[in-house]
PDB file of all heavy atoms in Angstrom:
ATOM      1  N   GLU A   1     129.740  43.406 205.827  1.00  0.00           N
ATOM      2  CA  GLU A   1     128.613  43.898 205.154  1.00  0.00           C
ATOM      3  C   GLU A   1     128.192  45.359 205.465  1.00  0.00           C
ATOM      4  O   GLU A   1     127.660  46.076 204.650  1.00  0.00           O
ATOM      5  CB  GLU A   1     127.401  42.979 205.410  1.00  0.00           C
ATOM      6  CG  GLU A   1     127.669  41.508 204.808  1.00  0.00           C
ATOM      7  CD  GLU A   1     127.646  41.536 203.245  1.00  0.00           C
ATOM      8  OE1 GLU A   1     127.179  42.541 202.589  1.00  0.00           O
ATOM      9  OE2 GLU A   1     128.085  40.557 202.604  1.00  0.00           O
ATOM     10  N   SER A   2     128.698  45.842 206.581  1.00  0.00           N
ATOM     11  CA  SER A   2     128.298  47.248 207.057  1.00  0.00           C
ATOM     12  C   SER A   2     129.207  48.215 206.271  1.00  0.00           C
ATOM     13  O   SER A   2     128.802  49.388 206.129  1.00  0.00           O
ATOM     14  CB  SER A   2     128.478  47.435 208.463  1.00  0.00           C
ATOM     15  OG  SER A   2     129.805  47.351 208.890  1.00  0.00           O
ATOM     16  N   VAL A   3     130.282  47.758 205.676  1.00  0.00           N
ATOM     17  CA  VAL A   3     131.189  48.777 204.977  1.00  0.00           C
ATOM     18  C   VAL A   3     131.469  48.416 203.473  1.00  0.00           C
ATOM     19  O   VAL A   3     132.148  49.052 202.832  1.00  0.00           O
ATOM     20  CB  VAL A   3     132.503  48.875 205.721  1.00  0.00           C
ATOM     21  CG1 VAL A   3     132.284  49.522 207.097  1.00  0.00           C
ATOM     22  CG2 VAL A   3     133.296  47.608 205.828  1.00  0.00           C
ATOM     23  N   VAL A   4     130.969  47.236 203.008  1.00  0.00           N
ATOM     24  CA  VAL A   4     131.261  46.701 201.710  1.00  0.00           C
ATOM     25  C   VAL A   4     130.910  47.699 200.637  1.00  0.00           C
ATOM     26  O   VAL A   4     131.627  47.782 199.602  1.00  0.00           O
ATOM     27  CB  VAL A   4     130.576  45.239 201.489  1.00  0.00           C
ATOM     28  CG1 VAL A   4     129.112  45.488 201.297  1.00  0.00           C
ATOM     29  CG2 VAL A   4     131.285  44.683 200.191  1.00  0.00           C
ATOM     30  N   ASN A   5     129.812  48.427 200.805  1.00  0.00           N
ATOM     31  CA  ASN A   5     129.486  49.444 199.784  1.00  0.00           C
ATOM     32  C   ASN A   5     130.340  50.703 199.839  1.00  0.00           C
ATOM     33  O   ASN A   5     130.124  51.516 198.928  1.00  0.00           O
ATOM     34  CB  ASN A   5     128.024  49.703 199.907  1.00  0.00           C
ATOM     35  CG  ASN A   5     127.070  48.540 199.571  1.00  0.00           C
ATOM     36  OD1 ASN A   5     126.969  48.175 198.357  1.00  0.00           O
ATOM     37  ND2 ASN A   5     126.453  47.963 200.567  1.00  0.00           N
ATOM     38  N   SER A   6     131.352  50.734 200.701  1.00  0.00           N
ATOM     39  CA  SER A   6     132.204  51.800 200.626  1.00  0.00           C
ATOM     40  C   SER A   6     133.272  51.636 199.556  1.00  0.00           C
ATOM     41  O   SER A   6     134.091  52.628 199.202  1.00  0.00           O
ATOM     42  CB  SER A   6     132.905  52.007 202.005  1.00  0.00           C
ATOM     43  OG  SER A   6     133.878  50.866 202.217  1.00  0.00           O
ATOM     44  N   SER A   7     133.318  50.481 199.005  1.00  0.00           N
ATOM     45  CA  SER A   7     134.414  50.210 198.081  1.00  0.00           C
ATOM     46  C   SER A   7     133.915  49.578 196.739  1.00  0.00           C
ATOM     47  O   SER A   7     133.065  48.684 196.809  1.00  0.00           O
ATOM     48  CB  SER A   7     135.355  49.161 198.651  1.00  0.00           C
ATOM     49  OG  SER A   7     136.369  48.564 197.661  1.00  0.00           O
ATOM     50  N   THR A   8     134.395  50.120 195.586  1.00  0.00           N
ATOM     51  CA  THR A   8     133.913  49.479 194.298  1.00  0.00           C
ATOM     52  C   THR A   8     134.584  48.284 193.943  1.00  0.00           C
ATOM     53  O   THR A   8     134.189  47.568 193.093  1.00  0.00           O
ATOM     54  CB  THR A   8     134.083  50.585 193.238  1.00  0.00           C
ATOM     55  OG1 THR A   8     135.590  50.987 193.117  1.00  0.00           O
ATOM     56  CG2 THR A   8     133.315  51.817 193.431  1.00  0.00           C
ATOM     57  N   ALA A   9     135.651  47.933 194.688  1.00  0.00           N
ATOM     58  CA  ALA A   9     136.432  46.764 194.465  1.00  0.00           C
ATOM     59  C   ALA A   9     135.834  45.595 195.054  1.00  0.00           C
ATOM     60  O   ALA A   9     136.114  44.421 194.577  1.00  0.00           O
ATOM     61  CB  ALA A   9     137.824  46.948 194.913  1.00  0.00           C
ATOM     62  N   TYR A  10     134.990  45.734 196.090  1.00  0.00           N
ATOM     63  CA  TYR A  10     134.412  44.574 196.772  1.00  0.00           C
ATOM     64  C   TYR A  10     132.958  44.423 196.538  1.00  0.00           C
ATOM     65  O   TYR A  10     132.292  45.383 196.098  1.00  0.00           O
ATOM     66  CB  TYR A  10     134.630  44.721 198.283  1.00  0.00           C
ATOM     67  CG  TYR A  10     136.149  44.427 198.733  1.00  0.00           C
ATOM     68  CD1 TYR A  10     137.098  45.435 198.438  1.00  0.00           C
ATOM     69  CD2 TYR A  10     136.438  43.203 199.403  1.00  0.00           C
ATOM     70  CE1 TYR A  10     138.350  45.193 198.961  1.00  0.00           C
ATOM     71  CE2 TYR A  10     137.673  43.000 199.787  1.00  0.00           C
ATOM     72  CZ  TYR A  10     138.696  43.934 199.484  1.00  0.00           C
ATOM     73  OH  TYR A  10     139.905  43.715 199.992  1.00  0.00           O
ATOM     74  N   ARG A  11     132.393  43.264 196.815  1.00  0.00           N
ATOM     75  CA  ARG A  11     130.951  43.084 196.707  1.00  0.00           C
ATOM     76  C   ARG A  11     130.493  42.364 197.916  1.00  0.00           C
ATOM     77  O   ARG A  11     131.203  41.594 198.552  1.00  0.00           O
ATOM     78  CB  ARG A  11     130.632  42.203 195.448  1.00  0.00           C
ATOM     79  CG  ARG A  11     131.204  40.792 195.485  1.00  0.00           C
ATOM     80  CD  ARG A  11     130.736  39.885 194.367  1.00  0.00           C
ATOM     81  NE  ARG A  11     131.174  40.357 193.092  1.00  0.00           N
ATOM     82  CZ  ARG A  11     130.717  39.782 191.896  1.00  0.00           C
ATOM     83  NH1 ARG A  11     129.889  38.772 192.045  1.00  0.00           N
ATOM     84  NH2 ARG A  11     131.168  40.233 190.769  1.00  0.00           N
ATOM     85  N   SER A  12     129.113  42.425 198.173  1.00  0.00           N
ATOM     86  CA  SER A  12     128.475  41.738 199.356  1.00  0.00           C
ATOM     87  C   SER A  12     128.523  40.156 198.943  1.00  0.00           C
ATOM     88  O   SER A  12     128.490  39.802 197.822  1.00  0.00           O
ATOM     89  CB  SER A  12     126.992  42.121 199.371  1.00  0.00           C
ATOM     90  OG  SER A  12     126.347  41.261 200.186  1.00  0.00           O
ATOM     91  N   VAL A  13     128.784  39.418 200.035  1.00  0.00           N
ATOM     92  CA  VAL A  13     128.686  37.961 199.894  1.00  0.00           C
ATOM     93  C   VAL A  13     127.385  37.384 200.261  1.00  0.00           C
ATOM     94  O   VAL A  13     127.194  36.176 200.305  1.00  0.00           O
ATOM     95  CB  VAL A  13     129.930  37.330 200.584  1.00  0.00           C
ATOM     96  CG1 VAL A  13     131.176  37.669 199.962  1.00  0.00           C
ATOM     97  CG2 VAL A  13     129.893  37.567 202.055  1.00  0.00           C
ATOM     98  N   ALA A  14     126.395  38.200 200.702  1.00  0.00           N
ATOM     99  CA  ALA A  14     125.214  37.725 201.369  1.00  0.00           C
ATOM    100  C   ALA A  14     124.480  36.730 200.502  1.00  0.00           C
ATOM    101  O   ALA A  14     123.972  35.763 200.976  1.00  0.00           O
ATOM    102  CB  ALA A  14     124.289  38.920 201.611  1.00  0.00           C
ATOM    103  N   THR A  15     124.327  37.009 199.193  1.00  0.00           N
ATOM    104  CA  THR A  15     123.588  36.096 198.370  1.00  0.00           C
ATOM    105  C   THR A  15     124.343  34.764 198.059  1.00  0.00           C
ATOM    106  O   THR A  15     123.669  33.834 197.600  1.00  0.00           O
ATOM    107  CB  THR A  15     123.219  36.715 196.957  1.00  0.00           C
ATOM    108  OG1 THR A  15     124.430  37.141 196.395  1.00  0.00           O
ATOM    109  CG2 THR A  15     122.358  37.936 197.192  1.00  0.00           C
ATOM    110  N   GLN A  16     125.581  34.645 198.433  1.00  0.00           N
ATOM    111  CA  GLN A  16     126.348  33.470 198.281  1.00  0.00           C
ATOM    112  C   GLN A  16     126.208  32.628 199.486  1.00  0.00           C
ATOM    113  O   GLN A  16     126.814  31.511 199.495  1.00  0.00           O
ATOM    114  CB  GLN A  16     127.741  33.767 197.932  1.00  0.00           C
ATOM    115  CG  GLN A  16     127.943  34.669 196.685  1.00  0.00           C
ATOM    116  CD  GLN A  16     129.507  35.123 196.592  1.00  0.00           C
ATOM    117  OE1 GLN A  16     130.304  34.194 196.365  1.00  0.00           O
ATOM    118  NE2 GLN A  16     129.659  36.404 196.596  1.00  0.00           N
ATOM    119  N   LEU A  17     125.666  33.091 200.588  1.00  0.00           N
ATOM    120  CA  LEU A  17     125.613  32.378 201.827  1.00  0.00           C
ATOM    121  C   LEU A  17     124.359  31.524 201.891  1.00  0.00           C
ATOM    122  O   LEU A  17     123.480  31.719 200.999  1.00  0.00           O
ATOM    123  CB  LEU A  17     125.762  33.319 202.954  1.00  0.00           C
ATOM    124  CG  LEU A  17     127.061  34.055 203.071  1.00  0.00           C
ATOM    125  CD1 LEU A  17     127.005  35.098 204.221  1.00  0.00           C
ATOM    126  CD2 LEU A  17     128.226  33.193 203.078  1.00  0.00           C
ATOM    127  N   ASN A  18     124.225  30.649 202.858  1.00  0.00           N
ATOM    128  CA  ASN A  18     123.202  29.666 202.898  1.00  0.00           C
ATOM    129  C   ASN A  18     121.877  30.226 203.424  1.00  0.00           C
ATOM    130  O   ASN A  18     121.520  30.185 204.610  1.00  0.00           O
ATOM    131  CB  ASN A  18     123.706  28.550 203.854  1.00  0.00           C
ATOM    132  CG  ASN A  18     122.945  27.305 203.711  1.00  0.00           C
ATOM    133  OD1 ASN A  18     121.978  27.166 202.911  1.00  0.00           O
ATOM    134  ND2 ASN A  18     123.451  26.248 204.488  1.00  0.00           N
ATOM    135  N   GLY A  19     121.085  30.762 202.472  1.00  0.00           N
ATOM    136  CA  GLY A  19     119.728  31.241 202.825  1.00  0.00           C
ATOM    137  C   GLY A  19     119.643  32.634 203.218  1.00  0.00           C
ATOM    138  O   GLY A  19     118.584  33.119 203.735  1.00  0.00           O
ATOM    139  N   LEU A  20     120.707  33.390 203.178  1.00  0.00           N
ATOM    140  CA  LEU A  20     120.662  34.791 203.710  1.00  0.00           C
ATOM    141  C   LEU A  20     119.919  35.678 202.629  1.00  0.00           C
ATOM    142  O   LEU A  20     119.027  36.460 203.036  1.00  0.00           O
ATOM    143  CB  LEU A  20     122.052  35.362 204.045  1.00  0.00           C
ATOM    144  CG  LEU A  20     122.131  36.777 204.443  1.00  0.00           C
ATOM    145  CD1 LEU A  20     121.296  37.166 205.579  1.00  0.00           C
ATOM    146  CD2 LEU A  20     123.595  37.205 204.719  1.00  0.00           C
ATOM    147  N   GLY A  21     120.270  35.622 201.438  1.00  0.00           N
ATOM    148  CA  GLY A  21     119.669  36.571 200.483  1.00  0.00           C
ATOM    149  C   GLY A  21     120.357  38.013 200.534  1.00  0.00           C
ATOM    150  O   GLY A  21     121.165  38.276 201.358  1.00  0.00           O
ATOM    151  N   ALA A  22     119.835  38.770 199.628  1.00  0.00           N
ATOM    152  CA  ALA A  22     120.373  40.173 199.536  1.00  0.00           C
ATOM    153  C   ALA A  22     120.155  41.042 200.797  1.00  0.00           C
ATOM    154  O   ALA A  22     119.077  40.962 201.355  1.00  0.00           O
ATOM    155  CB  ALA A  22     119.947  40.929 198.304  1.00  0.00           C
ATOM    156  N   LEU A  23     121.158  41.751 201.158  1.00  0.00           N
ATOM    157  CA  LEU A  23     120.947  42.656 202.393  1.00  0.00           C
ATOM    158  C   LEU A  23     120.549  44.123 201.815  1.00  0.00           C
ATOM    159  O   LEU A  23     120.676  44.461 200.619  1.00  0.00           O
ATOM    160  CB  LEU A  23     122.281  42.740 203.138  1.00  0.00           C
ATOM    161  CG  LEU A  23     122.625  41.409 203.860  1.00  0.00           C
ATOM    162  CD1 LEU A  23     124.098  41.636 204.375  1.00  0.00           C
ATOM    163  CD2 LEU A  23     121.802  41.194 205.030  1.00  0.00           C
ATOM    164  N   PRO A  24     120.005  44.865 202.714  1.00  0.00           N
ATOM    165  CA  PRO A  24     119.696  46.287 202.354  1.00  0.00           C
ATOM    166  C   PRO A  24     120.878  47.084 201.758  1.00  0.00           C
ATOM    167  O   PRO A  24     122.003  46.771 202.186  1.00  0.00           O
ATOM    168  CB  PRO A  24     119.151  46.950 203.710  1.00  0.00           C
ATOM    169  CG  PRO A  24     118.781  45.776 204.587  1.00  0.00           C
ATOM    170  CD  PRO A  24     119.660  44.650 204.047  1.00  0.00           C
ATOM    171  N   ILE A  25     120.669  47.802 200.757  1.00  0.00           N
ATOM    172  CA  ILE A  25     121.715  48.576 200.191  1.00  0.00           C
ATOM    173  C   ILE A  25     121.547  50.089 200.504  1.00  0.00           C
ATOM    174  O   ILE A  25     120.477  50.466 200.854  1.00  0.00           O
ATOM    175  CB  ILE A  25     121.771  48.418 198.665  1.00  0.00           C
ATOM    176  CG1 ILE A  25     120.444  48.947 197.986  1.00  0.00           C
ATOM    177  CG2 ILE A  25     122.055  46.983 198.313  1.00  0.00           C
ATOM    178  CD1 ILE A  25     120.428  48.835 196.495  1.00  0.00           C
ATOM    179  N   PRO A  26     122.650  50.819 200.632  1.00  0.00           N
ATOM    180  CA  PRO A  26     122.500  52.288 200.833  1.00  0.00           C
ATOM    181  C   PRO A  26     121.709  52.972 199.803  1.00  0.00           C
ATOM    182  O   PRO A  26     121.439  52.583 198.677  1.00  0.00           O
ATOM    183  CB  PRO A  26     123.974  52.753 200.760  1.00  0.00           C
ATOM    184  CG  PRO A  26     124.894  51.471 200.751  1.00  0.00           C
ATOM    185  CD  PRO A  26     124.020  50.403 200.159  1.00  0.00           C
ATOM    186  N   GLY A  27     121.041  54.090 200.228  1.00  0.00           N
ATOM    187  CA  GLY A  27     120.279  55.021 199.403  1.00  0.00           C
ATOM    188  C   GLY A  27     121.107  55.590 198.265  1.00  0.00           C
ATOM    189  O   GLY A  27     122.304  56.005 198.502  1.00  0.00           O
ATOM    190  N   LYS A  28     120.549  55.563 197.103  1.00  0.00           N
ATOM    191  CA  LYS A  28     121.271  56.089 195.946  1.00  0.00           C
ATOM    192  C   LYS A  28     121.620  57.553 195.995  1.00  0.00           C
ATOM    193  O   LYS A  28     120.804  58.342 196.500  1.00  0.00           O
ATOM    194  CB  LYS A  28     120.442  55.869 194.700  1.00  0.00           C
ATOM    195  CG  LYS A  28     121.232  56.263 193.298  1.00  0.00           C
ATOM    196  CD  LYS A  28     120.348  55.891 192.153  1.00  0.00           C
ATOM    197  CE  LYS A  28     121.169  56.196 190.954  1.00  0.00           C
ATOM    198  NZ  LYS A  28     120.323  55.832 189.695  1.00  0.00           N
ATOM    199  N   ASP A  29     122.855  57.893 195.798  1.00  0.00           N
ATOM    200  CA  ASP A  29     123.337  59.282 195.807  1.00  0.00           C
ATOM    201  C   ASP A  29     123.264  59.896 197.130  1.00  0.00           C
ATOM    202  O   ASP A  29     123.178  61.325 197.341  1.00  0.00           O
ATOM    203  CB  ASP A  29     122.501  60.136 194.762  1.00  0.00           C
ATOM    204  CG  ASP A  29     122.711  59.732 193.367  1.00  0.00           C
ATOM    205  OD1 ASP A  29     123.803  59.185 193.034  1.00  0.00           O
ATOM    206  OD2 ASP A  29     121.768  59.833 192.568  1.00  0.00           O
ATOM    207  N   LEU A  30     123.227  59.134 198.170  1.00  0.00           N
ATOM    208  CA  LEU A  30     123.190  59.603 199.533  1.00  0.00           C
ATOM    209  C   LEU A  30     124.547  59.528 200.189  1.00  0.00           C
ATOM    210  O   LEU A  30     125.307  58.507 199.832  1.00  0.00           O
ATOM    211  CB  LEU A  30     122.136  58.891 200.421  1.00  0.00           C
ATOM    212  CG  LEU A  30     120.643  59.213 200.065  1.00  0.00           C
ATOM    213  CD1 LEU A  30     119.751  58.311 201.036  1.00  0.00           C
ATOM    214  CD2 LEU A  30     120.337  60.674 200.242  1.00  0.00           C
ATOM    215  N   GLN A  31     124.927  60.280 201.046  1.00  0.00           N
ATOM    216  CA  GLN A  31     126.202  60.277 201.705  1.00  0.00           C
ATOM    217  C   GLN A  31     126.177  59.570 203.011  1.00  0.00           C
ATOM    218  O   GLN A  31     125.209  59.613 203.803  1.00  0.00           O
ATOM    219  CB  GLN A  31     126.750  61.676 202.080  1.00  0.00           C
ATOM    220  CG  GLN A  31     128.112  61.703 202.730  1.00  0.00           C
ATOM    221  CD  GLN A  31     128.544  63.138 203.018  1.00  0.00           C
ATOM    222  OE1 GLN A  31     127.905  64.112 202.674  1.00  0.00           O
ATOM    223  NE2 GLN A  31     129.762  63.338 203.759  1.00  0.00           N
TER     224      GLN A  31
END
């Protein structure tokens, strides 16, 4: 989850897990 947003081919699985919910996402247009 710390690197999933580095790739457009992958997605976070957090919301598919048992009660975790969405994790924080990187700031838009930030490096």
